[in-house]
């Protein structure tokens, strides 16, 4: 995936609030293809690409070191998908885990409660949407065991502080 891009390439990972159907994946792909064709940074075309992963995540990658309006324009694509197609990938409150039911999204409060009740085993796979370079994605930092993730550090620490 993304063979033409270096490990230093920027990556943005958007998690949808539900598994995408085949039709919804086509809607997302069409929107991202249109966006990619006109993606500019200071008037110059951006070399970028995207992928839909696990019917749940949209990954957007570029070798170009972009900022500001060029990033905002990519977020606008997902705002339009939410507004026009009810496909929400912008909910910052969601945490994604792999369970026996597949990939599920939980609110932070739901996740905190599960951690508090020891219902998230250390080997549960959690998805790290915070990574920002392709090298981290390739090196397995996207899918981590809960015990090895920032989720464990953040949520277990908060629980200890609240006791």
C-alpha atoms as a PDB file:
ATOM      1  CA  UNK A   1       0.000   0.000   0.000  1.00  0.00           C
ATOM      2  CA  UNK A   2       1.304   3.442  -0.977  1.00  0.00           C
ATOM      3  CA  UNK A   3       4.508   1.981  -2.480  1.00  0.00           C
ATOM      4  CA  UNK A   4       5.344   5.230  -4.304  1.00  0.00           C
ATOM      5  CA  UNK A   5       5.473   7.135  -1.000  1.00  0.00           C
ATOM      6  CA  UNK A   6       8.340   7.339   1.481  1.00  0.00           C
ATOM      7  CA  UNK A   7       8.124   6.557   5.181  1.00  0.00           C
ATOM      8  CA  UNK A   8       8.301  10.314   5.833  1.00  0.00           C
ATOM      9  CA  UNK A   9       5.075  10.902   3.907  1.00  0.00           C
ATOM     10  CA  UNK A  10       2.280  12.564   5.823  1.00  0.00           C
ATOM     11  CA  UNK A  11      -0.738  10.397   6.611  1.00  0.00           C
ATOM     12  CA  UNK A  12      -4.169  11.247   7.917  1.00  0.00           C
ATOM     13  CA  UNK A  13      -6.466   8.487   9.118  1.00  0.00           C
ATOM     14  CA  UNK A  14     -10.198   9.036   9.295  1.00  0.00           C
ATOM     15  CA  UNK A  15     -12.372   6.508  11.119  1.00  0.00           C
ATOM     16  CA  UNK A  16     -15.989   6.141  10.086  1.00  0.00           C
ATOM     17  CA  UNK A  17     -18.630   5.674  12.759  1.00  0.00           C
ATOM     18  CA  UNK A  18     -19.821   2.480  11.055  1.00  0.00           C
ATOM     19  CA  UNK A  19     -18.626  -0.145   8.597  1.00  0.00           C
ATOM     20  CA  UNK A  20     -19.034   1.109   5.062  1.00  0.00           C
ATOM     21  CA  UNK A  21     -21.213  -0.787   2.620  1.00  0.00           C
ATOM     22  CA  UNK A  22     -19.941  -1.363  -0.920  1.00  0.00           C
ATOM     23  CA  UNK A  23     -22.081   1.542  -2.121  1.00  0.00           C
ATOM     24  CA  UNK A  24     -20.784   3.823   0.631  1.00  0.00           C
ATOM     25  CA  UNK A  25     -17.189   2.857  -0.178  1.00  0.00           C
ATOM     26  CA  UNK A  26     -17.815   3.885  -3.784  1.00  0.00           C
ATOM     27  CA  UNK A  27     -19.208   7.235  -2.610  1.00  0.00           C
ATOM     28  CA  UNK A  28     -16.101   7.826  -0.461  1.00  0.00           C
ATOM     29  CA  UNK A  29     -13.749   6.709  -3.242  1.00  0.00           C
ATOM     30  CA  UNK A  30     -15.467   8.977  -5.773  1.00  0.00           C
ATOM     31  CA  UNK A  31     -15.227  11.952  -3.403  1.00  0.00           C
ATOM     32  CA  UNK A  32     -11.552  11.281  -2.647  1.00  0.00           C
ATOM     33  CA  UNK A  33     -10.679  10.721  -6.314  1.00  0.00           C
ATOM     34  CA  UNK A  34     -12.263  14.067  -7.203  1.00  0.00           C
ATOM     35  CA  UNK A  35     -10.444  15.733  -4.335  1.00  0.00           C
ATOM     36  CA  UNK A  36      -7.102  14.130  -5.213  1.00  0.00           C
ATOM     37  CA  UNK A  37      -7.364  15.318  -8.822  1.00  0.00           C
ATOM     38  CA  UNK A  38      -7.615  18.939  -7.702  1.00  0.00           C
ATOM     39  CA  UNK A  39      -5.521  18.899  -4.511  1.00  0.00           C
ATOM     40  CA  UNK A  40      -3.233  21.929  -4.490  1.00  0.00           C
ATOM     41  CA  UNK A  41      -0.592  23.414  -2.206  1.00  0.00           C
ATOM     42  CA  UNK A  42       0.318  27.009  -2.997  1.00  0.00           C
ATOM     43  CA  UNK A  43      -1.148  26.547  -6.466  1.00  0.00           C
ATOM     44  CA  UNK A  44       0.877  23.414  -7.228  1.00  0.00           C
ATOM     45  CA  UNK A  45      -0.609  19.919  -7.558  1.00  0.00           C
ATOM     46  CA  UNK A  46      -0.153  17.684  -4.523  1.00  0.00           C
ATOM     47  CA  UNK A  47       1.054  14.117  -5.067  1.00  0.00           C
ATOM     48  CA  UNK A  48      -1.363  12.205  -2.891  1.00  0.00           C
ATOM     49  CA  UNK A  49      -3.312   9.004  -2.684  1.00  0.00           C
ATOM     50  CA  UNK A  50      -5.850   7.298  -0.455  1.00  0.00           C
ATOM     51  CA  UNK A  51      -7.069   3.876   0.561  1.00  0.00           C
ATOM     52  CA  UNK A  52     -10.102   2.470   2.333  1.00  0.00           C
ATOM     53  CA  UNK A  53      -9.024  -0.040   4.978  1.00  0.00           C
ATOM     54  CA  UNK A  54     -11.136  -2.619   6.814  1.00  0.00           C
ATOM     55  CA  UNK A  55     -14.327  -0.962   5.442  1.00  0.00           C
ATOM     56  CA  UNK A  56     -13.886   1.475   8.328  1.00  0.00           C
ATOM     57  CA  UNK A  57     -10.937   3.789   7.739  1.00  0.00           C
ATOM     58  CA  UNK A  58      -9.941   6.240   5.025  1.00  0.00           C
ATOM     59  CA  UNK A  59      -6.192   6.834   4.775  1.00  0.00           C
ATOM     60  CA  UNK A  60      -4.940   9.908   2.959  1.00  0.00           C
ATOM     61  CA  UNK A  61      -1.212  10.184   2.124  1.00  0.00           C
ATOM     62  CA  UNK A  62       1.057  12.756   0.504  1.00  0.00           C
ATOM     63  CA  UNK A  63       4.812  13.023  -0.042  1.00  0.00           C
ATOM     64  CA  UNK A  64       4.481  16.788  -0.121  1.00  0.00           C
ATOM     65  CA  UNK A  65       4.975  18.690   3.114  1.00  0.00           C
ATOM     66  CA  UNK A  66       1.653  20.495   3.141  1.00  0.00           C
ATOM     67  CA  UNK A  67      -0.073  22.574   5.769  1.00  0.00           C
ATOM     68  CA  UNK A  68      -2.887  25.029   6.332  1.00  0.00           C
ATOM     69  CA  UNK A  69      -5.448  25.361   3.588  1.00  0.00           C
ATOM     70  CA  UNK A  70      -4.308  22.193   1.812  1.00  0.00           C
ATOM     71  CA  UNK A  71      -5.060  20.136   4.909  1.00  0.00           C
ATOM     72  CA  UNK A  72      -8.296  22.038   5.516  1.00  0.00           C
ATOM     73  CA  UNK A  73      -9.428  21.191   1.992  1.00  0.00           C
ATOM     74  CA  UNK A  74      -9.027  17.481   2.738  1.00  0.00           C
ATOM     75  CA  UNK A  75     -11.102  17.835   5.901  1.00  0.00           C
ATOM     76  CA  UNK A  76     -13.773  19.589   3.827  1.00  0.00           C
ATOM     77  CA  UNK A  77     -14.191  16.393   1.783  1.00  0.00           C
ATOM     78  CA  UNK A  78     -15.102  14.494   4.941  1.00  0.00           C
ATOM     79  CA  UNK A  79     -17.408  17.280   6.121  1.00  0.00           C
ATOM     80  CA  UNK A  80     -19.243  17.014   2.802  1.00  0.00           C
ATOM     81  CA  UNK A  81     -19.457  13.225   3.113  1.00  0.00           C
ATOM     82  CA  UNK A  82     -21.052  13.666   6.524  1.00  0.00           C
ATOM     83  CA  UNK A  83     -23.463  16.384   5.408  1.00  0.00           C
ATOM     84  CA  UNK A  84     -24.469  14.888   2.067  1.00  0.00           C
ATOM     85  CA  UNK A  85     -24.231  11.150   2.731  1.00  0.00           C
ATOM     86  CA  UNK A  86     -24.395  10.741   6.520  1.00  0.00           C
ATOM     87  CA  UNK A  87     -20.906   9.196   6.467  1.00  0.00           C
ATOM     88  CA  UNK A  88     -19.180  10.526   9.577  1.00  0.00           C
ATOM     89  CA  UNK A  89     -15.400  10.192   9.816  1.00  0.00           C
ATOM     90  CA  UNK A  90     -14.807  13.346  11.852  1.00  0.00           C
ATOM     91  CA  UNK A  91     -16.023  12.307  15.304  1.00  0.00           C
ATOM     92  CA  UNK A  92     -12.942  12.860  17.467  1.00  0.00           C
ATOM     93  CA  UNK A  93     -14.703  11.193  20.400  1.00  0.00           C
ATOM     94  CA  UNK A  94     -14.546   7.704  18.899  1.00  0.00           C
ATOM     95  CA  UNK A  95     -12.055   4.996  19.774  1.00  0.00           C
ATOM     96  CA  UNK A  96     -11.815   1.970  17.508  1.00  0.00           C
ATOM     97  CA  UNK A  97     -11.095  -1.551  18.711  1.00  0.00           C
ATOM     98  CA  UNK A  98     -11.142  -4.999  17.165  1.00  0.00           C
ATOM     99  CA  UNK A  99     -13.588  -7.275  18.956  1.00  0.00           C
ATOM    100  CA  UNK A 100     -15.212 -10.611  18.223  1.00  0.00           C
ATOM    101  CA  UNK A 101     -17.822  -8.567  16.302  1.00  0.00           C
ATOM    102  CA  UNK A 102     -15.159  -6.998  14.069  1.00  0.00           C
ATOM    103  CA  UNK A 103     -14.052  -3.389  14.319  1.00  0.00           C
ATOM    104  CA  UNK A 104     -16.272  -1.388  16.629  1.00  0.00           C
ATOM    105  CA  UNK A 105     -16.252   2.254  17.620  1.00  0.00           C
ATOM    106  CA  UNK A 106     -16.804   3.370  21.177  1.00  0.00           C
ATOM    107  CA  UNK A 107     -17.182   6.819  22.647  1.00  0.00           C
ATOM    108  CA  UNK A 108     -14.389   7.845  24.983  1.00  0.00           C
ATOM    109  CA  UNK A 109     -16.764   7.569  27.941  1.00  0.00           C
ATOM    110  CA  UNK A 110     -17.818   4.044  26.899  1.00  0.00           C
ATOM    111  CA  UNK A 111     -14.181   3.070  26.437  1.00  0.00           C
ATOM    112  CA  UNK A 112     -13.211   4.596  29.805  1.00  0.00           C
ATOM    113  CA  UNK A 113     -15.963   2.604  31.503  1.00  0.00           C
ATOM    114  CA  UNK A 114     -14.789  -0.636  29.862  1.00  0.00           C
ATOM    115  CA  UNK A 115     -11.203   0.056  30.953  1.00  0.00           C
ATOM    116  CA  UNK A 116     -12.417   0.845  34.466  1.00  0.00           C
ATOM    117  CA  UNK A 117     -14.238  -2.508  34.583  1.00  0.00           C
ATOM    118  CA  UNK A 118     -11.206  -4.388  33.177  1.00  0.00           C
ATOM    119  CA  UNK A 119     -13.281  -5.321  30.117  1.00  0.00           C
ATOM    120  CA  UNK A 120     -10.519  -4.351  27.671  1.00  0.00           C
ATOM    121  CA  UNK A 121      -7.866  -7.094  27.852  1.00  0.00           C
ATOM    122  CA  UNK A 122      -4.273  -6.003  27.274  1.00  0.00           C
ATOM    123  CA  UNK A 123      -4.154  -7.923  23.983  1.00  0.00           C
ATOM    124  CA  UNK A 124      -7.220  -6.165  22.511  1.00  0.00           C
ATOM    125  CA  UNK A 125      -6.287  -4.452  19.249  1.00  0.00           C
ATOM    126  CA  UNK A 126      -6.881  -0.706  19.271  1.00  0.00           C
ATOM    127  CA  UNK A 127      -6.474   1.569  16.271  1.00  0.00           C
ATOM    128  CA  UNK A 128      -4.160   4.565  16.535  1.00  0.00           C
ATOM    129  CA  UNK A 129      -5.582   7.318  14.344  1.00  0.00           C
ATOM    130  CA  UNK A 130      -3.012   9.754  15.775  1.00  0.00           C
ATOM    131  CA  UNK A 131      -0.062   8.611  13.659  1.00  0.00           C
ATOM    132  CA  UNK A 132       1.028  11.229  11.151  1.00  0.00           C
ATOM    133  CA  UNK A 133       3.671   9.585   8.964  1.00  0.00           C
ATOM    134  CA  UNK A 134       3.548   6.574   6.703  1.00  0.00           C
ATOM    135  CA  UNK A 135       6.584   4.973   8.362  1.00  0.00           C
ATOM    136  CA  UNK A 136       4.684   4.584  11.629  1.00  0.00           C
ATOM    137  CA  UNK A 137       1.787   3.028   9.740  1.00  0.00           C
ATOM    138  CA  UNK A 138       4.112   0.581   7.984  1.00  0.00           C
ATOM    139  CA  UNK A 139       5.839  -0.254  11.266  1.00  0.00           C
ATOM    140  CA  UNK A 140       2.614  -1.432  12.869  1.00  0.00           C
ATOM    141  CA  UNK A 141       1.728   1.652  14.897  1.00  0.00           C
ATOM    142  CA  UNK A 142      -1.810   1.762  13.498  1.00  0.00           C
ATOM    143  CA  UNK A 143      -3.001  -1.516  15.014  1.00  0.00           C
ATOM    144  CA  UNK A 144      -1.618  -2.006  18.505  1.00  0.00           C
ATOM    145  CA  UNK A 145      -2.313  -4.160  21.508  1.00  0.00           C
ATOM    146  CA  UNK A 146      -4.106  -2.088  24.112  1.00  0.00           C
ATOM    147  CA  UNK A 147      -1.217  -2.585  26.574  1.00  0.00           C
ATOM    148  CA  UNK A 148       1.220  -1.032  24.062  1.00  0.00           C
ATOM    149  CA  UNK A 149      -0.975   1.878  22.997  1.00  0.00           C
ATOM    150  CA  UNK A 150      -1.418   5.486  24.031  1.00  0.00           C
ATOM    151  CA  UNK A 151      -4.978   4.462  24.921  1.00  0.00           C
ATOM    152  CA  UNK A 152      -3.717   2.308  27.789  1.00  0.00           C
ATOM    153  CA  UNK A 153      -1.447   5.018  29.126  1.00  0.00           C
ATOM    154  CA  UNK A 154      -4.091   7.733  28.862  1.00  0.00           C
ATOM    155  CA  UNK A 155      -7.101   5.861  30.195  1.00  0.00           C
ATOM    156  CA  UNK A 156      -5.401   3.817  32.916  1.00  0.00           C
ATOM    157  CA  UNK A 157      -3.557   6.926  34.149  1.00  0.00           C
ATOM    158  CA  UNK A 158      -6.807   8.904  34.348  1.00  0.00           C
ATOM    159  CA  UNK A 159      -8.427   6.103  36.308  1.00  0.00           C
ATOM    160  CA  UNK A 160      -5.541   6.070  38.796  1.00  0.00           C
ATOM    161  CA  UNK A 161      -5.721   9.861  39.151  1.00  0.00           C
ATOM    162  CA  UNK A 162      -9.468   9.772  39.828  1.00  0.00           C
ATOM    163  CA  UNK A 163      -9.143   7.219  42.654  1.00  0.00           C
END
